[in-house]
């Protein structure tokens, strides 16, 4: 499961939820799906944590660029002059 993409893990998790809500699984199968779902939740959570750490808001202060952690709050974007910043990997 570790090499699974977020989208694939989430898709499988949604399928498991549908199967469990369908009411046609035996108790044994419900437990197997639950255990598999727990592993998928861990995969999704780890992937989201990785993305959260990578998402940063670049703030230009003079000639230097600093990174501030993404707060998760919606704010109006600041007007930033559109010119390339050297040294960035993208």
C-alpha atoms as a PDB file:
ATOM      1  CA  UNK A   1       0.000   0.000   0.000  1.00  0.00           C
ATOM      2  CA  UNK A   2       2.923   2.361   0.598  1.00  0.00           C
ATOM      3  CA  UNK A   3       3.607   2.889  -3.108  1.00  0.00           C
ATOM      4  CA  UNK A   4      -0.073   3.548  -3.851  1.00  0.00           C
ATOM      5  CA  UNK A   5      -1.053   6.968  -5.145  1.00  0.00           C
ATOM      6  CA  UNK A   6      -3.421   9.137  -3.148  1.00  0.00           C
ATOM      7  CA  UNK A   7      -6.069   8.923  -5.864  1.00  0.00           C
ATOM      8  CA  UNK A   8      -5.912   5.129  -6.054  1.00  0.00           C
ATOM      9  CA  UNK A   9      -6.028   4.772  -2.258  1.00  0.00           C
ATOM     10  CA  UNK A  10      -8.971   7.167  -2.003  1.00  0.00           C
ATOM     11  CA  UNK A  11     -10.816   5.377  -4.806  1.00  0.00           C
ATOM     12  CA  UNK A  12     -10.357   2.006  -3.117  1.00  0.00           C
ATOM     13  CA  UNK A  13     -11.449   3.519   0.204  1.00  0.00           C
ATOM     14  CA  UNK A  14     -14.642   4.829  -1.424  1.00  0.00           C
ATOM     15  CA  UNK A  15     -15.320   1.352  -2.861  1.00  0.00           C
ATOM     16  CA  UNK A  16     -14.848  -0.205   0.567  1.00  0.00           C
ATOM     17  CA  UNK A  17     -17.279   2.270   2.122  1.00  0.00           C
ATOM     18  CA  UNK A  18     -19.890   1.463  -0.551  1.00  0.00           C
ATOM     19  CA  UNK A  19     -19.436  -2.284   0.029  1.00  0.00           C
ATOM     20  CA  UNK A  20     -19.750  -1.894   3.788  1.00  0.00           C
ATOM     21  CA  UNK A  21     -22.803   0.341   3.509  1.00  0.00           C
ATOM     22  CA  UNK A  22     -24.403  -2.134   1.080  1.00  0.00           C
ATOM     23  CA  UNK A  23     -25.106  -4.526   3.930  1.00  0.00           C
ATOM     24  CA  UNK A  24     -24.271  -7.664   1.929  1.00  0.00           C
ATOM     25  CA  UNK A  25     -20.900  -8.475   3.509  1.00  0.00           C
ATOM     26  CA  UNK A  26     -20.450 -11.067   6.216  1.00  0.00           C
ATOM     27  CA  UNK A  27     -19.020  -9.974   9.541  1.00  0.00           C
ATOM     28  CA  UNK A  28     -15.681 -11.524   8.579  1.00  0.00           C
ATOM     29  CA  UNK A  29     -15.606  -9.622   5.271  1.00  0.00           C
ATOM     30  CA  UNK A  30     -16.628  -6.413   7.049  1.00  0.00           C
ATOM     31  CA  UNK A  31     -13.644  -6.787   9.371  1.00  0.00           C
ATOM     32  CA  UNK A  32     -11.290  -7.424   6.436  1.00  0.00           C
ATOM     33  CA  UNK A  33     -12.589  -4.329   4.636  1.00  0.00           C
ATOM     34  CA  UNK A  34     -12.334  -2.286   7.829  1.00  0.00           C
ATOM     35  CA  UNK A  35      -8.707  -3.311   8.316  1.00  0.00           C
ATOM     36  CA  UNK A  36      -7.900  -2.573   4.676  1.00  0.00           C
ATOM     37  CA  UNK A  37      -9.668   0.784   5.025  1.00  0.00           C
ATOM     38  CA  UNK A  38      -7.577   1.680   8.054  1.00  0.00           C
ATOM     39  CA  UNK A  39      -4.418   1.072   6.040  1.00  0.00           C
ATOM     40  CA  UNK A  40      -5.762   3.188   3.187  1.00  0.00           C
ATOM     41  CA  UNK A  41      -6.630   6.013   5.577  1.00  0.00           C
ATOM     42  CA  UNK A  42      -3.021   5.960   6.791  1.00  0.00           C
ATOM     43  CA  UNK A  43      -1.755   6.114   3.193  1.00  0.00           C
ATOM     44  CA  UNK A  44      -4.065   9.034   2.359  1.00  0.00           C
ATOM     45  CA  UNK A  45      -3.180  10.853   5.559  1.00  0.00           C
ATOM     46  CA  UNK A  46       0.560  10.445   4.944  1.00  0.00           C
ATOM     47  CA  UNK A  47       0.197  11.705   1.366  1.00  0.00           C
ATOM     48  CA  UNK A  48      -1.824  14.721   2.516  1.00  0.00           C
ATOM     49  CA  UNK A  49       0.758  15.486   5.194  1.00  0.00           C
ATOM     50  CA  UNK A  50       3.518  15.381   2.575  1.00  0.00           C
ATOM     51  CA  UNK A  51       1.605  17.767   0.344  1.00  0.00           C
ATOM     52  CA  UNK A  52       0.814  20.091   3.235  1.00  0.00           C
ATOM     53  CA  UNK A  53       4.518  20.348   4.066  1.00  0.00           C
ATOM     54  CA  UNK A  54       5.310  21.097   0.422  1.00  0.00           C
ATOM     55  CA  UNK A  55       2.635  23.748  -0.014  1.00  0.00           C
ATOM     56  CA  UNK A  56       4.159  27.009   1.020  1.00  0.00           C
ATOM     57  CA  UNK A  57       3.330  30.567   0.259  1.00  0.00           C
ATOM     58  CA  UNK A  58       6.276  32.408  -1.170  1.00  0.00           C
ATOM     59  CA  UNK A  59       6.575  35.901   0.125  1.00  0.00           C
ATOM     60  CA  UNK A  60       8.897  38.263  -1.615  1.00  0.00           C
ATOM     61  CA  UNK A  61      10.716  40.575   0.759  1.00  0.00           C
ATOM     62  CA  UNK A  62      13.122  42.793  -1.105  1.00  0.00           C
ATOM     63  CA  UNK A  63      15.611  40.604  -2.968  1.00  0.00           C
ATOM     64  CA  UNK A  64      15.163  37.542  -0.765  1.00  0.00           C
ATOM     65  CA  UNK A  65      12.340  35.038  -0.916  1.00  0.00           C
ATOM     66  CA  UNK A  66      11.111  33.434   2.269  1.00  0.00           C
ATOM     67  CA  UNK A  67       8.594  30.652   2.708  1.00  0.00           C
ATOM     68  CA  UNK A  68       5.726  30.764   5.138  1.00  0.00           C
ATOM     69  CA  UNK A  69       3.765  27.629   6.019  1.00  0.00           C
ATOM     70  CA  UNK A  70       0.374  27.324   4.371  1.00  0.00           C
ATOM     71  CA  UNK A  71      -2.195  28.329   6.990  1.00  0.00           C
ATOM     72  CA  UNK A  72      -5.115  26.711   5.205  1.00  0.00           C
ATOM     73  CA  UNK A  73      -7.192  29.837   5.417  1.00  0.00           C
ATOM     74  CA  UNK A  74      -8.573  31.529   2.369  1.00  0.00           C
ATOM     75  CA  UNK A  75      -7.214  35.021   2.038  1.00  0.00           C
ATOM     76  CA  UNK A  76      -7.138  37.446  -0.820  1.00  0.00           C
ATOM     77  CA  UNK A  77      -3.948  36.937  -2.827  1.00  0.00           C
ATOM     78  CA  UNK A  78      -1.394  39.665  -2.606  1.00  0.00           C
ATOM     79  CA  UNK A  79      -0.381  41.354  -5.808  1.00  0.00           C
ATOM     80  CA  UNK A  80       3.097  40.111  -6.613  1.00  0.00           C
ATOM     81  CA  UNK A  81       5.262  41.288  -9.443  1.00  0.00           C
ATOM     82  CA  UNK A  82       5.480  38.479 -12.016  1.00  0.00           C
ATOM     83  CA  UNK A  83       9.161  37.885 -12.586  1.00  0.00           C
ATOM     84  CA  UNK A  84      11.138  34.659 -12.364  1.00  0.00           C
ATOM     85  CA  UNK A  85      12.913  33.794  -9.160  1.00  0.00           C
ATOM     86  CA  UNK A  86      16.229  32.061  -9.646  1.00  0.00           C
ATOM     87  CA  UNK A  87      17.156  28.983  -7.677  1.00  0.00           C
ATOM     88  CA  UNK A  88      13.641  27.501  -7.557  1.00  0.00           C
ATOM     89  CA  UNK A  89      13.178  23.957  -8.901  1.00  0.00           C
ATOM     90  CA  UNK A  90      10.129  24.858 -11.002  1.00  0.00           C
END
